[in-house]
Protein backbone atom coordinates (compact mmCIF):
# COMPACT_ATOMS: atom_id res chain seq x y z
CA UNK A 1 48.05 35.22 -39.39
CA UNK A 2 51.32 33.42 -39.86
CA UNK A 3 52.67 30.30 -37.90
CA UNK A 4 54.36 32.32 -35.03
CA UNK A 5 51.21 34.22 -34.37
CA UNK A 6 49.42 31.18 -33.73
CA UNK A 7 52.43 29.64 -31.34
CA UNK A 8 52.62 32.68 -29.03
CA UNK A 9 48.99 32.31 -28.88
CA UNK A 10 48.60 28.88 -28.33
CA UNK A 11 51.59 29.43 -25.78
CA UNK A 12 49.55 32.41 -24.18
CA UNK A 13 46.79 29.87 -23.71
CA UNK A 14 43.78 31.83 -25.96
CA UNK A 15 43.89 28.43 -27.16
CA UNK A 16 44.27 24.69 -26.37
CA UNK A 17 44.38 22.36 -29.15
CA UNK A 18 44.78 18.53 -28.30
CA UNK A 19 45.87 16.87 -31.39
CA UNK A 20 46.11 13.37 -31.76
CA UNK A 21 49.48 11.48 -31.16
CA UNK A 22 49.41 9.34 -33.99
CA UNK A 23 48.34 12.33 -36.67
CA UNK A 24 50.82 13.81 -39.02
CA UNK A 25 52.01 17.02 -38.76
CA UNK A 26 50.60 18.49 -41.45
CA UNK A 27 47.04 17.38 -40.79
CA UNK A 28 47.12 19.19 -36.81
CA UNK A 29 48.39 21.96 -38.38
CA UNK A 30 45.74 22.81 -41.03
CA UNK A 31 42.93 21.44 -37.95
CA UNK A 32 44.68 23.98 -35.59
CA UNK A 33 44.21 26.94 -38.87
CA UNK A 34 40.80 26.44 -39.05
CA UNK A 35 39.89 26.44 -35.41
CA UNK A 36 41.95 29.41 -35.06
CA UNK A 37 40.65 31.32 -38.04
CA UNK A 38 36.77 30.40 -36.28
CA UNK A 39 37.75 31.58 -33.39
CA UNK A 40 39.21 34.83 -34.46
CA UNK A 41 36.04 35.69 -36.51
CA UNK A 42 34.17 35.25 -33.88
CA UNK A 43 35.95 37.54 -31.52
CA UNK A 44 35.73 40.15 -34.37
CA UNK A 45 32.12 40.63 -33.70
CA UNK A 46 32.44 40.61 -29.61
CA UNK A 47 31.70 43.85 -27.77
CA UNK A 48 35.38 45.53 -26.69
CA UNK A 49 34.65 44.64 -23.07
CA UNK A 50 34.05 40.91 -23.76
CA UNK A 51 37.12 40.97 -25.82
CA UNK A 52 39.21 42.29 -22.91
CA UNK A 53 37.53 39.96 -20.58
CA UNK A 54 38.40 36.51 -23.32
CA UNK A 55 42.23 37.94 -23.23
CA UNK A 56 44.22 35.34 -21.82
CA UNK A 57 40.95 33.41 -20.23
CA UNK A 58 41.12 29.27 -20.31
CA UNK A 59 37.70 28.27 -20.24
CA UNK A 60 39.55 24.83 -18.76
CA UNK A 61 40.82 26.41 -15.85
CA UNK A 62 38.40 26.76 -13.12
CA UNK A 63 39.23 30.13 -10.96
CA UNK A 64 41.11 30.32 -8.29
CA UNK A 65 43.15 27.35 -9.67
CA UNK A 66 46.35 27.58 -7.07
CA UNK A 67 44.53 29.68 -4.25
CA UNK A 68 41.97 27.67 -2.73
CA UNK A 69 38.39 26.50 -3.99
CA UNK A 70 35.65 27.75 -5.30
CA UNK A 71 32.07 28.67 -3.56
CA UNK A 72 29.63 28.33 -5.85
CA UNK A 73 26.17 29.54 -4.62
CA UNK A 74 23.35 28.04 -5.87
CA UNK A 75 19.18 29.14 -5.62
CA UNK A 76 16.15 27.52 -7.26
CA UNK A 77 12.73 28.50 -8.33
CA UNK A 78 9.92 25.38 -8.36
CA UNK A 79 7.99 26.01 -11.37
CA UNK A 80 6.43 23.66 -11.36
CA UNK A 81 5.64 19.74 -10.33
CA UNK A 82 3.88 17.54 -13.02
CA UNK A 83 3.68 14.21 -12.17
CA UNK A 84 4.58 12.23 -8.85
CA UNK A 85 4.13 8.62 -9.28
CA UNK A 86 3.70 5.32 -6.85
CA UNK A 87 3.61 2.90 -9.38
CA UNK A 88 7.92 4.09 -10.80
CA UNK A 89 8.33 6.21 -7.18
CA UNK A 90 9.16 9.36 -8.66
CA UNK A 91 8.49 13.05 -9.37
CA UNK A 92 8.83 15.23 -13.21
CA UNK A 93 9.54 19.01 -11.87
CA UNK A 94 10.62 21.69 -13.82
CA UNK A 95 12.97 23.73 -11.95
CA UNK A 96 14.98 27.08 -12.51
CA UNK A 97 18.24 26.79 -11.25
CA UNK A 98 20.46 29.56 -10.70
CA UNK A 99 23.94 29.53 -9.99
CA UNK A 100 26.46 32.32 -8.79
CA UNK A 101 30.34 32.08 -7.93
CA UNK A 102 32.80 34.76 -8.58
CA UNK A 103 35.70 34.42 -11.56
CA UNK A 104 38.85 37.09 -10.87
CA UNK A 105 39.59 36.63 -14.37
CA UNK A 106 36.28 38.47 -15.39
CA UNK A 107 36.83 41.59 -12.90
CA UNK A 108 36.20 44.90 -14.81
CA UNK A 109 35.74 48.66 -14.55
CA UNK A 110 31.81 49.83 -14.67
CA UNK A 111 29.30 49.52 -12.09
CA UNK A 112 26.82 47.75 -14.62
CA UNK A 113 26.14 44.44 -14.89
CA UNK A 114 26.88 42.92 -18.57
CA UNK A 115 24.01 40.08 -19.94
CA UNK A 116 25.11 37.79 -22.33
CA UNK A 117 23.71 35.92 -25.04
CA UNK A 118 23.43 31.88 -23.16
CA UNK A 119 25.18 30.24 -26.21
CA UNK A 120 28.51 32.30 -24.80
CA UNK A 121 28.23 30.47 -22.17
CA UNK A 122 30.90 27.46 -24.23
CA UNK A 123 33.32 30.33 -23.82
CA UNK A 124 33.36 30.61 -19.91
CA UNK A 125 33.91 28.24 -16.80
CA UNK A 126 30.71 26.59 -15.55
CA UNK A 127 30.01 24.37 -12.74
CA UNK A 128 29.68 20.78 -13.69
CA UNK A 129 26.45 20.57 -11.51
CA UNK A 130 24.30 17.46 -11.82
CA UNK A 131 21.24 16.55 -10.35
CA UNK A 132 21.98 13.04 -8.29
CA UNK A 133 18.31 11.09 -8.48
CA UNK A 134 17.94 12.24 -11.51
CA UNK A 135 16.84 9.12 -14.33
CA UNK A 136 15.95 11.96 -17.01
CA UNK A 137 16.40 15.38 -17.13
CA UNK A 138 16.39 18.04 -20.31
CA UNK A 139 17.26 21.79 -20.92
CA UNK A 140 14.97 23.79 -22.47
CA UNK A 141 15.46 24.83 -26.06
CA UNK A 142 11.93 26.61 -27.39
CA UNK A 143 12.95 29.28 -29.23
CA UNK A 144 16.20 29.27 -28.18
CA UNK A 145 18.13 27.06 -24.87
CA UNK A 146 16.79 28.58 -22.13
CA UNK A 147 20.43 29.91 -20.13
CA UNK A 148 21.65 33.10 -18.91
CA UNK A 149 24.57 34.60 -18.62
CA UNK A 150 25.21 37.41 -16.41
CA UNK A 151 28.49 39.13 -15.61
CA UNK A 152 29.19 41.69 -13.11
CA UNK A 153 31.84 43.80 -12.57
CA UNK A 154 33.42 42.57 -9.31
CA UNK A 155 34.21 39.21 -11.01
CA UNK A 156 30.69 37.27 -10.26
CA UNK A 157 29.23 35.47 -12.57
CA UNK A 158 25.63 34.38 -12.29
CA UNK A 159 24.28 31.12 -14.15
CA UNK A 160 20.52 30.55 -15.13
CA UNK A 161 19.11 27.25 -16.46
CA UNK A 162 15.54 25.95 -17.16
CA UNK A 163 15.44 22.36 -16.77
CA UNK A 164 12.68 19.77 -16.85
CA UNK A 165 13.88 16.46 -14.65
CA UNK A 166 12.10 12.98 -13.33
CA UNK A 167 14.03 12.50 -9.58
CA UNK A 168 13.42 9.38 -7.77
CA UNK A 169 11.56 9.44 -4.66
CA UNK A 170 11.56 6.37 -2.10
CA UNK A 171 7.96 6.25 -0.18
CA UNK A 172 6.73 4.83 2.42
CA UNK A 173 3.20 3.65 1.23
CA UNK A 174 2.43 1.37 4.03
CA UNK A 175 0.13 4.36 5.19
CA UNK A 176 -1.43 4.68 1.43
CA UNK A 177 -3.38 6.89 1.23
CA UNK A 178 -3.55 8.82 4.33
CA UNK A 179 0.43 8.98 4.24
CA UNK A 180 3.07 11.59 3.67
CA UNK A 181 6.27 11.29 1.45
CA UNK A 182 9.85 12.83 1.89
CA UNK A 183 11.00 13.63 -1.33
CA UNK A 184 14.56 15.56 -2.48
CA UNK A 185 16.64 17.27 -4.74
CA UNK A 186 20.37 16.87 -4.30
CA UNK A 187 22.55 18.69 -6.55
CA UNK A 188 26.50 17.67 -6.49
CA UNK A 189 29.31 18.12 -8.11
CA UNK A 190 30.34 15.82 -11.22
CA UNK A 191 34.51 16.41 -11.06
CA UNK A 192 35.25 18.69 -8.95
CA UNK A 193 36.13 17.37 -5.60
CA UNK A 194 35.65 19.96 -1.66
CA UNK A 195 39.48 20.99 -2.22
CA UNK A 196 38.50 22.62 -5.42
CA UNK A 197 34.65 23.39 -5.27
CA UNK A 198 32.41 24.03 -2.40
CA UNK A 199 28.66 24.38 -2.98
CA UNK A 200 26.22 26.60 -0.38
CA UNK A 201 22.83 27.65 -0.53
CA UNK A 202 22.26 31.40 -0.78
CA UNK A 203 19.98 32.07 0.85
CA UNK A 204 19.26 29.31 3.63
CA UNK A 205 15.85 28.02 3.67
CA UNK A 206 14.59 30.71 1.54
CA UNK A 207 17.02 29.59 -1.63
CA UNK A 208 14.21 27.44 -2.97
CA UNK A 209 10.79 29.54 -3.60
CA UNK A 210 7.86 28.51 -5.45
CA UNK A 211 6.53 25.68 -3.54
CA UNK A 212 3.69 28.07 -2.13
CA UNK A 213 1.71 28.47 -4.73
CA UNK A 214 2.12 24.93 -6.46
CA UNK A 215 -1.40 23.46 -7.23
CA UNK A 216 -1.02 19.52 -6.82
CA UNK A 217 -4.04 17.43 -7.85
CA UNK A 218 -3.25 14.39 -4.61
CA UNK A 219 -0.82 16.05 -2.58
CA UNK A 220 -0.02 19.60 -0.67
CA UNK A 221 3.02 20.71 0.37
CA UNK A 222 3.09 20.71 3.87
CA UNK A 223 7.20 21.68 4.89
CA UNK A 224 10.34 22.25 3.01
CA UNK A 225 14.17 23.22 4.17
CA UNK A 226 17.74 22.93 2.76
CA UNK A 227 21.15 20.93 3.76
CA UNK A 228 24.60 20.67 3.31
CA UNK A 229 26.47 18.48 3.03
CA UNK A 230 29.03 15.88 1.34
CA UNK A 231 28.98 13.05 -0.58
CA UNK A 232 31.29 10.51 -0.07
CA UNK A 233 32.74 8.38 -2.63
CA UNK A 234 36.01 6.22 -3.73
CA UNK A 235 37.51 9.06 -5.32
CA UNK A 236 36.96 11.26 -3.11
CA UNK A 237 34.55 13.99 -0.94
CA UNK A 238 32.27 15.98 -3.22
CA UNK A 239 30.21 19.02 -2.45
CA UNK A 240 26.40 18.57 -2.09
CA UNK A 241 23.27 20.50 -1.30
CA UNK A 242 19.87 18.68 -0.63
CA UNK A 243 16.13 20.63 -0.98
CA UNK A 244 13.99 18.55 1.17
CA UNK A 245 10.40 19.04 0.89
CA UNK A 246 7.22 17.02 2.09
CA UNK A 247 4.26 16.28 0.81
CA UNK A 248 0.73 15.15 2.24
CA UNK A 249 -2.03 13.18 0.45
CA UNK A 250 -5.23 14.69 0.17
CA UNK A 251 -7.56 12.07 1.34
CA UNK A 252 -10.87 13.16 0.32
CA UNK A 253 -10.35 11.59 -2.78
CA UNK A 254 -9.78 8.27 -2.10
CA UNK A 255 -13.11 8.90 0.94
CA UNK A 256 -15.48 9.47 -2.08
CA UNK A 257 -13.67 6.75 -4.78
CA UNK A 258 -13.10 3.81 -2.35
CA UNK A 259 -13.99 3.99 1.58
CA UNK A 260 -17.26 5.07 0.88
CA UNK A 261 -18.01 2.82 -1.82
CA UNK A 262 -17.11 -0.03 0.36
CA UNK A 263 -18.12 1.00 3.92
CA UNK A 264 -22.07 0.59 1.94
CA UNK A 265 -21.14 -2.14 0.66
CA UNK A 266 -20.68 -3.51 3.71
CA UNK A 267 -24.08 -2.04 4.94
CA UNK A 268 -25.71 -4.11 2.10
CA UNK A 269 -24.78 -7.45 3.21
CA UNK A 270 -26.70 -6.73 6.75
CA UNK A 271 -30.23 -6.54 4.73
CA UNK A 272 -30.23 -9.80 4.36
CA UNK A 273 -30.70 -10.27 8.49
CA UNK A 274 -34.31 -8.95 7.83
CA UNK A 275 -34.63 -11.33 5.05
CA UNK A 276 -36.78 -14.99 6.16
CA UNK A 277 -34.27 -17.66 6.49
CA UNK A 278 -37.00 -19.73 4.12
CA UNK A 279 -35.99 -17.11 1.04
CA UNK A 280 -32.74 -18.63 -0.03
CA UNK A 281 -32.37 -17.37 -3.08
CA UNK A 282 -33.20 -13.70 -2.00
CA UNK A 283 -30.46 -14.02 0.70
CA UNK A 284 -27.86 -15.96 -1.24
CA UNK A 285 -28.14 -13.11 -4.44
CA UNK A 286 -27.55 -10.71 -1.60
CA UNK A 287 -24.21 -11.87 -0.09
CA UNK A 288 -22.29 -13.56 -3.80
CA UNK A 289 -23.79 -10.00 -5.26
CA UNK A 290 -21.53 -7.48 -2.26
CA UNK A 291 -18.75 -10.54 -2.60
CA UNK A 292 -18.06 -10.27 -6.15
CA UNK A 293 -18.91 -6.31 -6.07
CA UNK A 294 -15.83 -5.65 -3.21
CA UNK A 295 -13.50 -8.02 -5.01
CA UNK A 296 -13.83 -5.82 -8.12
CA UNK A 297 -13.54 -3.01 -5.93
CA UNK A 298 -10.32 -4.49 -4.44
CA UNK A 299 -8.62 -4.92 -7.75
CA UNK A 300 -9.36 -1.39 -9.09
CA UNK A 301 -8.35 0.15 -5.72
CA UNK A 302 -4.76 -1.33 -6.78
CA UNK A 303 -4.60 -0.79 -10.34
CA UNK A 304 -2.75 2.67 -9.39
CA UNK A 305 -0.10 1.39 -6.94
CA UNK A 306 2.95 -0.76 -7.21
CA UNK A 307 2.33 -4.29 -6.78
CA UNK A 308 5.02 -4.86 -4.42
CA UNK A 309 4.73 -7.36 -1.66
CA UNK A 310 6.72 -5.45 0.82
CA UNK A 311 3.92 -2.64 1.03
CA UNK A 312 0.81 -3.58 3.07
CA UNK A 313 -1.10 -0.21 2.87
CA UNK A 314 -4.03 1.12 4.82
CA UNK A 315 -6.40 0.92 1.70
CA UNK A 316 -5.80 -2.71 1.74
CA UNK A 317 -6.37 -3.25 5.18
CA UNK A 318 -9.53 -1.25 4.96
CA UNK A 319 -10.48 -3.61 1.76
CA UNK A 320 -9.97 -6.38 3.91
CA UNK A 321 -11.82 -5.84 6.56
CA UNK A 322 -15.14 -4.89 4.44
CA UNK A 323 -14.70 -8.17 2.57
CA UNK A 324 -14.61 -9.92 5.86
CA UNK A 325 -17.46 -8.62 7.17
CA UNK A 326 -19.09 -9.15 3.68
CA UNK A 327 -18.43 -13.08 3.77
CA UNK A 328 -19.52 -13.07 6.84
CA UNK A 329 -22.52 -12.17 6.68
CA UNK A 330 -23.11 -14.86 3.65
CA UNK A 331 -21.95 -17.05 6.07
CA UNK A 332 -24.00 -16.44 8.74
CA UNK A 333 -26.75 -17.24 6.55
CA UNK A 334 -25.32 -20.70 5.67
CA UNK A 335 -25.05 -21.27 9.43
CA UNK A 336 -28.40 -20.53 10.31
CA UNK A 337 -30.06 -21.72 7.52
CA UNK A 338 -27.86 -25.14 9.05
CA UNK A 339 -29.34 -24.55 12.16
CA UNK A 340 -32.96 -24.63 11.13
CA UNK A 341 -32.58 -28.07 9.35
CA UNK A 342 -31.01 -30.06 12.57
CA UNK A 343 -33.56 -28.18 14.17
CA UNK A 344 -36.54 -29.46 12.68
CA UNK A 345 -34.50 -33.02 12.39
CA UNK A 346 -33.66 -32.69 16.30
CA UNK A 347 -37.50 -32.61 17.21
CA UNK A 348 -38.38 -35.43 14.68
CA UNK A 349 -35.39 -36.91 16.42
CA UNK A 350 -37.35 -35.96 20.07
CA UNK A 351 -40.40 -36.36 18.93
CA UNK A 352 -40.24 -40.14 17.81
CA UNK A 353 -37.91 -40.67 21.23
CA UNK A 354 -40.80 -39.56 22.96
CA UNK A 355 -43.04 -42.23 21.25
CA UNK A 356 -40.83 -44.60 22.17
CA UNK A 357 -41.06 -43.84 25.87
CA UNK A 358 -44.37 -43.54 26.01
CA UNK A 359 -45.00 -46.95 24.27
CA UNK A 360 -42.81 -48.56 26.89
CA UNK A 361 -44.13 -46.72 29.53
CA UNK A 362 -47.70 -48.70 28.42
CA UNK A 363 -45.91 -51.58 27.70
CA UNK A 364 -44.73 -51.84 31.54
CA UNK A 365 -48.16 -50.83 32.76
CA UNK A 366 -49.88 -53.46 31.04
CA UNK A 367 -47.31 -56.21 31.80
CA UNK A 368 -47.78 -54.81 35.65
CA UNK A 369 -51.63 -55.57 35.49
CA UNK A 370 -50.92 -58.64 33.85
CA UNK A 371 -48.83 -59.90 36.75
CA UNK A 372 -50.96 -58.62 39.60
CA UNK A 373 -53.68 -60.50 38.25
CA UNK A 374 -51.64 -63.81 38.11
CA UNK A 375 -50.34 -63.32 41.88
CA UNK A 376 -53.96 -62.70 43.05
CA UNK A 377 -55.47 -66.23 40.87
CA UNK A 378 -52.53 -68.22 42.68
CA UNK A 379 -54.01 -67.15 45.77
CA UNK A 380 -57.47 -67.86 45.15
CA UNK A 381 -56.39 -70.89 44.03
CA UNK A 382 -54.49 -71.39 47.03
CA UNK A 383 -57.49 -70.67 49.36
CA UNK A 384 -59.94 -73.00 47.80
CA UNK A 385 -60.20 -76.78 48.58
CA UNK A 386 -58.89 -79.34 46.29
CA UNK A 387 -61.52 -79.89 43.53
CA UNK A 388 -62.47 -83.21 42.42
CA UNK A 389 -60.96 -84.85 39.16
CA UNK A 390 -64.30 -84.00 37.34
CA UNK A 391 -64.02 -80.17 37.94
CA UNK A 392 -60.27 -80.20 37.91
CA UNK A 393 -60.50 -80.76 34.18
CA UNK A 394 -63.15 -78.64 33.61
CA UNK A 395 -61.10 -76.31 35.52
CA UNK A 396 -58.99 -73.97 33.41
CA UNK A 397 -56.61 -71.21 33.82
CA UNK A 398 -57.99 -67.88 31.77
CA UNK A 399 -53.94 -67.34 31.68
CA UNK A 400 -53.23 -70.82 31.00
CA UNK A 401 -54.78 -72.78 28.13
CA UNK A 402 -53.00 -76.00 29.35
CA UNK A 403 -54.00 -75.26 32.60
CA UNK A 404 -50.43 -75.99 33.76
CA UNK A 405 -48.48 -72.99 36.04
CA UNK A 406 -46.57 -70.35 33.70
CA UNK A 407 -42.63 -70.53 33.98
CA UNK A 408 -40.77 -67.52 34.87
CA UNK A 409 -39.00 -65.13 32.29
CA UNK A 410 -35.76 -65.87 30.75
CA UNK A 411 -32.68 -63.18 31.39
CA UNK A 412 -32.23 -61.22 27.68
CA UNK A 413 -29.65 -62.14 25.56
CA UNK A 414 -26.36 -60.90 25.91
CA UNK A 415 -26.62 -58.82 22.56
CA UNK A 416 -29.76 -57.58 23.64
CA UNK A 417 -27.89 -56.20 26.66
CA UNK A 418 -24.83 -54.61 24.77
CA UNK A 419 -27.73 -52.94 22.45
CA UNK A 420 -29.29 -51.51 25.36
CA UNK A 421 -26.24 -49.91 26.66
CA UNK A 422 -25.37 -48.58 23.43
CA UNK A 423 -28.52 -46.74 22.73
CA UNK A 424 -27.92 -44.91 26.27
CA UNK A 425 -24.78 -44.11 25.87
CA UNK A 426 -25.73 -42.16 22.30
CA UNK A 427 -28.57 -40.65 24.36
CA UNK A 428 -26.48 -38.85 26.62
CA UNK A 429 -24.30 -37.58 24.20
CA UNK A 430 -27.46 -35.98 22.29
CA UNK A 431 -28.29 -34.51 24.80
CA UNK A 432 -24.82 -32.91 26.14
CA UNK A 433 -25.15 -31.38 22.16
CA UNK A 434 -28.70 -30.65 22.79
CA UNK A 435 -27.25 -28.43 25.59
CA UNK A 436 -25.18 -26.22 23.46
CA UNK A 437 -28.00 -26.09 20.79
CA UNK A 438 -29.30 -23.44 19.37
CA UNK A 439 -33.34 -23.10 20.59
CA UNK A 440 -35.04 -21.18 17.53
CA UNK A 441 -32.24 -20.30 14.75
CA UNK A 442 -34.03 -17.14 14.22
CA UNK A 443 -32.31 -15.96 16.76
CA UNK A 444 -29.19 -15.92 15.06
CA UNK A 445 -30.20 -13.27 12.74
CA UNK A 446 -31.76 -11.40 15.47
CA UNK A 447 -27.76 -11.51 16.70
CA UNK A 448 -26.39 -10.77 13.94
CA UNK A 449 -28.72 -7.19 13.58
CA UNK A 450 -26.61 -6.26 16.58
CA UNK A 451 -23.19 -7.86 16.81
CA UNK A 452 -22.23 -6.92 12.95
CA UNK A 453 -22.70 -2.97 13.13
CA UNK A 454 -21.60 -2.50 16.72
CA UNK A 455 -18.22 -4.34 16.05
CA UNK A 456 -17.98 -3.00 11.95
CA UNK A 457 -18.39 0.42 13.93
CA UNK A 458 -15.22 -1.09 16.11
CA UNK A 459 -13.03 -1.62 13.52
CA UNK A 460 -13.73 1.86 12.05
CA UNK A 461 -12.46 3.41 15.35
CA UNK A 462 -9.62 1.26 15.94
CA UNK A 463 -8.68 2.01 12.52
CA UNK A 464 -8.70 5.40 11.75
CA UNK A 465 -7.41 6.36 15.23
CA UNK A 466 -3.97 4.24 14.37
CA UNK A 467 -3.29 5.02 10.95
CA UNK A 468 -3.97 9.43 11.41
CA UNK A 469 -2.32 9.09 15.04
CA UNK A 470 0.14 6.91 15.07
């Protein structure tokens, strides 16, 4: 093949070769010749129909280059959804992506389609479709690249791929594990804007199939639908197709794994209400053991979740409620035991007060009797005649050995009066405290046996009603 033939084919668009500006002409000529020979060798093994279609075909130019945008129809089969990660907030799925468009340059006569080897896709123009929120994707290539090319007589091209992709999914975990998550799979054109390419779903919501037969570990697919929109960027507006699917988490696993054990721990903490207050080691052992077990259960429930402060999850609320009831049962015993000790001390104080009052009353009675006897003797002495000196000397009052008149009692000193006033104030304070004092500390356990279960049932009703229906 001479140089004129090469120049003619390059001018007709059969081969597009771009040489660096700084290359020498001889090197450019050798490069063009080697590439041309490779194309000719490949063309010699192609069927005549394909050779005719490829003649003058430029894969770098889209169909209808000067006659408006090319429309590309999309459809998908969801083969599997392998993992759904709350920690990374993404899901991994294997999909069969099918794209259809019409290329007027590939029209041929006949009534049968041409199924080509997937490796021949390198000779055709294909849309530059990409998955928007994909973190990692790959095309399966065992045993060969899983691609399909089929050309119909009217120029329609079917291009199918088998892809496994990991796509980001923003999740709201405030109601975890009673949550519903809506994830999306978005397809856009990378370089062609809406003036060049238009995307559409071939069969509307039925363009995506396979979800009805999926068996997921923790989720069930409740609903799915498709939508068409445009992606607006600084470089222009680009076509976008969005597939939405709603996942509902199965709560049975979490009921058996977390909710039932935590509830049983709360019930176990109530056993201490039926143990005597004097059994200090038994009640302390039950309280501390349930608190530590509940703490371990709370830590295990958080291992499979993101450590984000912005999420107060429903399971965290329930575990916090259970921990509060268990801790409250431990505090209840501390209060009851303290009241028992206080009750014993108060009995001793009241007994001492009663004895002191009894002594005061007895002293008062004795003083009153002695004063009464003195007054009676004085009256008798006044009524009898004046005794003779001899008899006077022999008459001695039994109450006054010296025979002199008893002196009036001196008033109490000031510091004694102050002590009595302070003692009266303390007694008033003790009486006011005694009004709020629990007569029998054992009643605390009796009240707790009723209030703790009723409160726990009421809180559970409010919890489940709120998170299931609101």
